[in-house]
């Protein structure tokens, strides 16, 4: 089974101020956020890693998940390039945290925020257009 693709994490944050690696200290307002990521193999393991509280701080999302929790996950089998395409499409219509998750990317962010239903429905719709 090919366990690669892109995924979205729907995250609820109660509001917190945290240091996020090289991005420095960031303020996260209470509300819902969506993180777009990819895994070229072992996507299910990557998602399970994100859900764990105890882990080495490796990615920007690891820092946010110390004070926030994942409430839903959506994944599709898609190429790595689709991760950037999805992030670009979401950046056109949703607020985002500049630079978050985008260290190795040409997009402004991989973390978006807004009203839960509207944001999550848009994410799923955009991701479906990438599915293999």
N, C-alpha and C. Protein backbone atom coordinates (compact mmCIF):
# COMPACT_ATOMS: atom_id res chain seq x y z
N UNK A 1 0.85 -1.19 0.00
CA UNK A 1 0.00 0.00 0.00
C UNK A 1 0.89 1.25 0.00
N UNK A 2 0.57 2.19 -0.86
CA UNK A 2 1.30 3.45 -0.93
C UNK A 2 0.79 4.36 0.17
N UNK A 3 1.63 4.62 1.14
CA UNK A 3 1.23 5.44 2.29
C UNK A 3 1.92 6.80 2.19
N UNK A 4 1.68 7.48 1.07
CA UNK A 4 2.26 8.82 0.90
C UNK A 4 1.15 9.76 0.45
N UNK A 5 1.38 11.04 0.65
CA UNK A 5 0.39 12.02 0.22
C UNK A 5 0.47 13.29 1.02
N UNK A 6 -0.64 14.01 1.03
CA UNK A 6 -0.72 15.25 1.79
C UNK A 6 -1.83 15.12 2.83
N UNK A 7 -1.70 15.90 3.89
CA UNK A 7 -2.68 15.82 4.96
C UNK A 7 -2.95 17.22 5.51
N UNK A 8 -4.10 17.34 6.14
CA UNK A 8 -4.48 18.57 6.82
C UNK A 8 -4.87 18.21 8.25
N UNK A 9 -4.37 19.00 9.18
CA UNK A 9 -4.73 18.84 10.59
C UNK A 9 -5.62 20.00 10.99
N UNK A 10 -6.83 19.71 11.46
CA UNK A 10 -7.69 20.74 12.02
C UNK A 10 -7.34 20.82 13.50
N UNK A 11 -6.94 22.00 13.92
CA UNK A 11 -6.39 22.20 15.26
C UNK A 11 -7.20 23.24 16.02
N UNK A 12 -7.52 22.93 17.27
CA UNK A 12 -8.14 23.93 18.13
C UNK A 12 -7.08 24.45 19.10
N UNK A 13 -6.95 25.76 19.15
CA UNK A 13 -5.99 26.40 20.04
C UNK A 13 -6.76 27.26 21.05
N UNK A 14 -6.48 27.11 22.34
CA UNK A 14 -7.15 27.92 23.34
C UNK A 14 -6.59 29.34 23.42
N UNK A 15 -5.54 29.59 22.65
CA UNK A 15 -4.83 30.87 22.71
C UNK A 15 -3.55 30.68 23.49
N UNK A 16 -2.43 31.03 22.89
CA UNK A 16 -1.15 30.87 23.58
C UNK A 16 -0.06 31.69 22.89
N UNK A 17 0.98 31.93 23.64
CA UNK A 17 2.17 32.62 23.12
C UNK A 17 3.33 31.66 23.30
N UNK A 18 3.96 31.27 22.18
CA UNK A 18 5.03 30.28 22.25
C UNK A 18 6.17 30.64 21.31
N UNK A 19 7.31 30.08 21.61
CA UNK A 19 8.48 30.22 20.74
C UNK A 19 8.40 29.10 19.71
N UNK A 20 8.48 29.46 18.42
CA UNK A 20 8.37 28.50 17.33
C UNK A 20 9.67 28.49 16.54
N UNK A 21 10.62 27.70 17.02
CA UNK A 21 11.90 27.57 16.32
C UNK A 21 12.47 28.91 15.90
N UNK A 22 12.95 28.97 14.65
CA UNK A 22 13.58 30.17 14.10
C UNK A 22 12.59 31.31 13.87
N UNK A 23 11.28 31.02 13.90
CA UNK A 23 10.28 32.08 13.72
C UNK A 23 10.20 32.99 14.95
N UNK A 24 10.70 32.50 16.08
CA UNK A 24 10.67 33.28 17.31
C UNK A 24 9.36 33.12 18.05
N UNK A 25 9.07 34.10 18.89
CA UNK A 25 7.87 34.04 19.72
C UNK A 25 6.66 34.51 18.91
N UNK A 26 5.61 33.69 18.92
CA UNK A 26 4.39 33.99 18.17
C UNK A 26 3.19 33.92 19.10
N UNK A 27 2.23 34.78 18.83
CA UNK A 27 0.96 34.80 19.57
C UNK A 27 -0.09 34.11 18.71
N UNK A 28 -0.75 33.11 19.26
CA UNK A 28 -1.82 32.40 18.57
C UNK A 28 -3.13 32.71 19.28
N UNK A 29 -4.03 33.36 18.58
CA UNK A 29 -5.34 33.68 19.14
C UNK A 29 -6.14 32.39 19.31
N UNK A 30 -7.09 32.41 20.22
CA UNK A 30 -7.97 31.26 20.40
C UNK A 30 -8.77 31.05 19.12
N UNK A 31 -8.94 29.80 18.74
CA UNK A 31 -9.72 29.49 17.55
C UNK A 31 -9.21 28.27 16.82
N UNK A 32 -9.61 28.17 15.55
CA UNK A 32 -9.28 27.00 14.74
C UNK A 32 -8.24 27.33 13.69
N UNK A 33 -7.33 26.38 13.52
CA UNK A 33 -6.23 26.49 12.58
C UNK A 33 -6.18 25.20 11.75
N UNK A 34 -5.65 25.32 10.54
CA UNK A 34 -5.41 24.14 9.72
C UNK A 34 -3.96 24.16 9.27
N UNK A 35 -3.29 23.04 9.49
CA UNK A 35 -1.90 22.87 9.05
C UNK A 35 -1.89 21.92 7.87
N UNK A 36 -1.20 22.29 6.79
CA UNK A 36 -1.05 21.45 5.60
C UNK A 36 0.35 20.85 5.60
N UNK A 37 0.42 19.52 5.51
CA UNK A 37 1.70 18.84 5.49
C UNK A 37 1.72 17.73 4.45
N UNK A 38 2.87 17.10 4.31
CA UNK A 38 2.99 15.97 3.38
C UNK A 38 3.94 14.93 3.96
N UNK A 39 3.83 13.74 3.43
CA UNK A 39 4.73 12.65 3.81
C UNK A 39 4.95 11.80 2.56
N UNK A 40 6.19 11.63 2.19
CA UNK A 40 6.50 10.83 1.01
C UNK A 40 6.43 9.34 1.29
N UNK A 41 6.42 8.99 2.56
CA UNK A 41 6.18 7.61 2.99
C UNK A 41 5.70 7.66 4.45
N UNK A 42 5.04 6.60 4.85
CA UNK A 42 4.58 6.48 6.24
C UNK A 42 3.72 7.66 6.71
N UNK A 43 2.77 8.07 5.86
CA UNK A 43 1.93 9.22 6.22
C UNK A 43 1.14 8.97 7.51
N UNK A 44 0.62 7.76 7.67
CA UNK A 44 -0.15 7.48 8.89
C UNK A 44 0.72 7.61 10.14
N UNK A 45 1.97 7.18 10.05
CA UNK A 45 2.88 7.33 11.19
C UNK A 45 3.17 8.80 11.47
N UNK A 46 3.31 9.59 10.40
CA UNK A 46 3.56 11.03 10.58
C UNK A 46 2.38 11.67 11.31
N UNK A 47 1.17 11.33 10.89
CA UNK A 47 -0.03 11.90 11.53
C UNK A 47 -0.10 11.47 13.00
N UNK A 48 0.18 10.21 13.27
CA UNK A 48 0.17 9.72 14.65
C UNK A 48 1.24 10.44 15.48
N UNK A 49 2.38 10.72 14.88
CA UNK A 49 3.43 11.47 15.58
C UNK A 49 2.91 12.84 15.98
N UNK A 50 2.21 13.50 15.06
CA UNK A 50 1.67 14.83 15.37
C UNK A 50 0.72 14.77 16.56
N UNK A 51 0.00 13.67 16.71
CA UNK A 51 -0.98 13.54 17.79
C UNK A 51 -0.33 13.32 19.16
N UNK A 52 0.90 12.82 19.17
CA UNK A 52 1.59 12.55 20.45
C UNK A 52 2.00 13.85 21.13
N UNK A 53 1.91 13.87 22.44
CA UNK A 53 2.35 15.03 23.22
C UNK A 53 3.87 15.03 23.40
N UNK A 54 4.42 13.86 23.68
CA UNK A 54 5.86 13.74 23.92
C UNK A 54 6.57 13.43 22.60
N UNK A 55 7.40 14.36 22.15
CA UNK A 55 8.16 14.16 20.92
C UNK A 55 9.25 15.22 20.83
N UNK A 56 10.22 14.94 20.02
CA UNK A 56 11.28 15.91 19.75
C UNK A 56 10.70 17.04 18.90
N UNK A 57 11.05 18.27 19.23
CA UNK A 57 10.56 19.41 18.47
C UNK A 57 11.35 19.48 17.15
N UNK A 58 10.70 19.07 16.07
CA UNK A 58 11.36 18.99 14.77
C UNK A 58 10.80 20.00 13.77
N UNK A 59 9.49 20.16 13.75
CA UNK A 59 8.82 21.04 12.80
C UNK A 59 8.08 22.14 13.56
N UNK A 60 7.76 23.22 12.86
CA UNK A 60 7.01 24.32 13.47
C UNK A 60 5.73 23.81 14.14
N UNK A 61 5.04 22.89 13.47
CA UNK A 61 3.77 22.40 14.00
C UNK A 61 3.95 21.72 15.36
N UNK A 62 5.12 21.13 15.60
CA UNK A 62 5.36 20.49 16.90
C UNK A 62 5.24 21.48 18.05
N UNK A 63 5.69 22.70 17.83
CA UNK A 63 5.63 23.73 18.87
C UNK A 63 4.18 24.13 19.16
N UNK A 64 3.41 24.37 18.10
CA UNK A 64 2.01 24.75 18.28
C UNK A 64 1.23 23.64 19.00
N UNK A 65 1.51 22.39 18.66
CA UNK A 65 0.76 21.29 19.25
C UNK A 65 1.08 21.05 20.72
N UNK A 66 2.03 21.78 21.27
CA UNK A 66 2.27 21.71 22.71
C UNK A 66 1.17 22.44 23.49
N UNK A 67 0.50 23.39 22.84
CA UNK A 67 -0.57 24.13 23.53
C UNK A 67 -1.93 23.99 22.84
N UNK A 68 -1.97 23.27 21.74
CA UNK A 68 -3.22 23.11 20.98
C UNK A 68 -3.46 21.62 20.75
N UNK A 69 -4.65 21.28 20.25
CA UNK A 69 -4.94 19.86 20.01
C UNK A 69 -5.56 19.65 18.64
N UNK A 70 -5.25 18.50 18.06
CA UNK A 70 -5.82 18.11 16.77
C UNK A 70 -7.23 17.60 17.01
N UNK A 71 -8.19 18.13 16.25
CA UNK A 71 -9.58 17.69 16.40
C UNK A 71 -10.07 16.90 15.18
N UNK A 72 -9.35 17.01 14.05
CA UNK A 72 -9.72 16.23 12.87
C UNK A 72 -8.52 16.17 11.93
N UNK A 73 -8.54 15.17 11.06
CA UNK A 73 -7.46 14.98 10.08
C UNK A 73 -8.11 14.60 8.75
N UNK A 74 -7.57 15.15 7.67
CA UNK A 74 -8.00 14.75 6.32
C UNK A 74 -6.74 14.49 5.52
N UNK A 75 -6.69 13.37 4.81
CA UNK A 75 -5.52 13.07 4.00
C UNK A 75 -5.94 12.54 2.64
N UNK A 76 -5.07 12.76 1.65
CA UNK A 76 -5.30 12.24 0.30
C UNK A 76 -3.97 11.77 -0.27
N UNK A 77 -4.05 10.76 -1.13
CA UNK A 77 -2.88 10.33 -1.88
C UNK A 77 -2.64 11.39 -2.96
N UNK A 78 -1.51 12.05 -2.89
CA UNK A 78 -1.20 13.13 -3.83
C UNK A 78 0.31 13.34 -3.84
N UNK A 79 0.79 14.01 -4.86
CA UNK A 79 2.22 14.28 -4.97
C UNK A 79 2.65 15.36 -3.98
N UNK A 80 3.93 15.41 -3.68
CA UNK A 80 4.49 16.43 -2.78
C UNK A 80 4.17 17.83 -3.29
N UNK A 81 4.19 18.02 -4.62
CA UNK A 81 3.91 19.33 -5.21
C UNK A 81 2.52 19.84 -4.85
N UNK A 82 1.60 18.92 -4.61
CA UNK A 82 0.24 19.33 -4.24
C UNK A 82 0.20 20.02 -2.89
N UNK A 83 1.13 19.69 -2.02
CA UNK A 83 1.19 20.35 -0.70
C UNK A 83 1.32 21.86 -0.90
N UNK A 84 2.25 22.28 -1.74
CA UNK A 84 2.44 23.71 -1.99
C UNK A 84 1.25 24.30 -2.73
N UNK A 85 0.69 23.55 -3.68
CA UNK A 85 -0.45 24.05 -4.44
C UNK A 85 -1.63 24.31 -3.51
N UNK A 86 -1.91 23.36 -2.61
CA UNK A 86 -3.01 23.52 -1.65
C UNK A 86 -2.74 24.73 -0.76
N UNK A 87 -1.53 24.87 -0.25
CA UNK A 87 -1.19 26.01 0.61
C UNK A 87 -1.35 27.32 -0.15
N UNK A 88 -0.95 27.36 -1.41
CA UNK A 88 -1.11 28.59 -2.22
C UNK A 88 -2.58 28.94 -2.40
N UNK A 89 -3.40 27.94 -2.71
CA UNK A 89 -4.83 28.18 -2.90
C UNK A 89 -5.47 28.70 -1.61
N UNK A 90 -5.11 28.11 -0.49
CA UNK A 90 -5.69 28.56 0.79
C UNK A 90 -5.22 29.96 1.15
N UNK A 91 -3.98 30.29 0.82
CA UNK A 91 -3.45 31.62 1.13
C UNK A 91 -4.17 32.72 0.35
N UNK A 92 -4.81 32.36 -0.75
CA UNK A 92 -5.56 33.34 -1.54
C UNK A 92 -6.84 33.79 -0.83
N UNK A 93 -7.39 32.93 0.02
CA UNK A 93 -8.70 33.22 0.60
C UNK A 93 -8.78 33.15 2.13
N UNK A 94 -7.70 32.74 2.78
CA UNK A 94 -7.74 32.59 4.23
C UNK A 94 -6.57 33.30 4.90
N UNK A 95 -6.77 33.69 6.14
CA UNK A 95 -5.69 34.28 6.93
C UNK A 95 -4.67 33.20 7.24
N UNK A 96 -3.40 33.60 7.37
CA UNK A 96 -2.35 32.63 7.64
C UNK A 96 -1.29 33.22 8.55
N UNK A 97 -0.49 32.33 9.14
CA UNK A 97 0.63 32.72 10.00
C UNK A 97 1.87 32.70 9.12
N UNK A 98 2.35 33.87 8.75
CA UNK A 98 3.45 34.00 7.78
C UNK A 98 4.68 33.19 8.18
N UNK A 99 5.16 32.39 7.23
CA UNK A 99 6.38 31.61 7.41
C UNK A 99 6.21 30.28 8.13
N UNK A 100 5.04 30.06 8.73
CA UNK A 100 4.83 28.85 9.53
C UNK A 100 4.82 27.62 8.63
N UNK A 101 5.72 26.69 8.91
CA UNK A 101 5.79 25.45 8.14
C UNK A 101 6.32 25.61 6.74
N UNK A 102 6.82 26.80 6.42
CA UNK A 102 7.21 27.11 5.04
C UNK A 102 8.71 27.33 4.86
N UNK A 103 9.51 26.78 5.76
CA UNK A 103 10.96 26.98 5.68
C UNK A 103 11.54 26.44 4.38
N UNK A 104 11.00 25.32 3.90
CA UNK A 104 11.52 24.69 2.68
C UNK A 104 10.53 24.82 1.52
N UNK A 105 9.76 25.90 1.53
CA UNK A 105 8.67 26.06 0.58
C UNK A 105 8.66 27.48 0.00
N UNK A 106 7.97 27.64 -1.11
CA UNK A 106 7.84 28.96 -1.74
C UNK A 106 6.49 29.61 -1.45
N UNK A 107 5.75 29.06 -0.52
CA UNK A 107 4.45 29.61 -0.16
C UNK A 107 4.57 30.42 1.12
N UNK A 108 3.64 31.34 1.37
CA UNK A 108 3.76 32.18 2.57
C UNK A 108 3.56 31.43 3.88
N UNK A 109 2.83 30.32 3.85
CA UNK A 109 2.54 29.60 5.09
C UNK A 109 1.94 28.23 4.81
N UNK A 110 2.00 27.38 5.82
CA UNK A 110 1.28 26.11 5.79
C UNK A 110 0.28 26.06 6.94
N UNK A 111 0.07 27.19 7.63
CA UNK A 111 -0.87 27.26 8.75
C UNK A 111 -1.86 28.39 8.50
N UNK A 112 -3.15 28.01 8.49
CA UNK A 112 -4.23 28.94 8.17
C UNK A 112 -5.22 28.97 9.32
N UNK A 113 -5.96 30.07 9.43
CA UNK A 113 -6.93 30.15 10.52
C UNK A 113 -8.18 30.89 10.07
N UNK A 114 -9.26 30.61 10.79
CA UNK A 114 -10.54 31.24 10.47
C UNK A 114 -11.68 30.45 11.08
N UNK A 115 -12.92 30.79 10.70
CA UNK A 115 -14.08 30.06 11.22
C UNK A 115 -13.98 28.58 10.85
N UNK A 116 -14.19 27.74 11.83
CA UNK A 116 -13.97 26.30 11.70
C UNK A 116 -14.61 25.68 10.46
N UNK A 117 -15.92 25.76 10.32
CA UNK A 117 -16.62 25.07 9.23
C UNK A 117 -16.17 25.57 7.86
N UNK A 118 -16.11 26.87 7.69
CA UNK A 118 -15.72 27.46 6.40
C UNK A 118 -14.30 27.04 6.04
N UNK A 119 -13.38 27.15 6.96
CA UNK A 119 -11.99 26.81 6.72
C UNK A 119 -11.84 25.33 6.39
N UNK A 120 -12.41 24.46 7.21
CA UNK A 120 -12.25 23.02 7.03
C UNK A 120 -12.90 22.55 5.73
N UNK A 121 -14.08 23.07 5.41
CA UNK A 121 -14.74 22.69 4.15
C UNK A 121 -13.91 23.12 2.95
N UNK A 122 -13.32 24.30 2.99
CA UNK A 122 -12.45 24.76 1.90
C UNK A 122 -11.23 23.86 1.75
N UNK A 123 -10.63 23.50 2.87
CA UNK A 123 -9.44 22.64 2.85
C UNK A 123 -9.76 21.31 2.16
N UNK A 124 -10.84 20.68 2.57
CA UNK A 124 -11.22 19.38 2.00
C UNK A 124 -11.51 19.52 0.51
N UNK A 125 -12.21 20.57 0.13
CA UNK A 125 -12.53 20.81 -1.28
C UNK A 125 -11.27 20.99 -2.12
N UNK A 126 -10.34 21.80 -1.65
CA UNK A 126 -9.10 22.05 -2.39
C UNK A 126 -8.26 20.77 -2.47
N UNK A 127 -8.18 20.04 -1.37
CA UNK A 127 -7.37 18.81 -1.36
C UNK A 127 -7.93 17.76 -2.31
N UNK A 128 -9.24 17.67 -2.45
CA UNK A 128 -9.85 16.69 -3.36
C UNK A 128 -9.39 16.91 -4.80
N UNK A 129 -9.09 18.15 -5.15
CA UNK A 129 -8.66 18.45 -6.51
C UNK A 129 -7.26 17.93 -6.79
N UNK A 130 -6.53 17.52 -5.77
CA UNK A 130 -5.17 16.98 -5.91
C UNK A 130 -5.12 15.46 -5.88
N UNK A 131 -6.19 14.84 -5.44
CA UNK A 131 -6.15 13.40 -5.19
C UNK A 131 -5.79 12.60 -6.44
N UNK A 132 -4.88 11.61 -6.24
CA UNK A 132 -4.47 10.73 -7.35
C UNK A 132 -5.54 9.70 -7.59
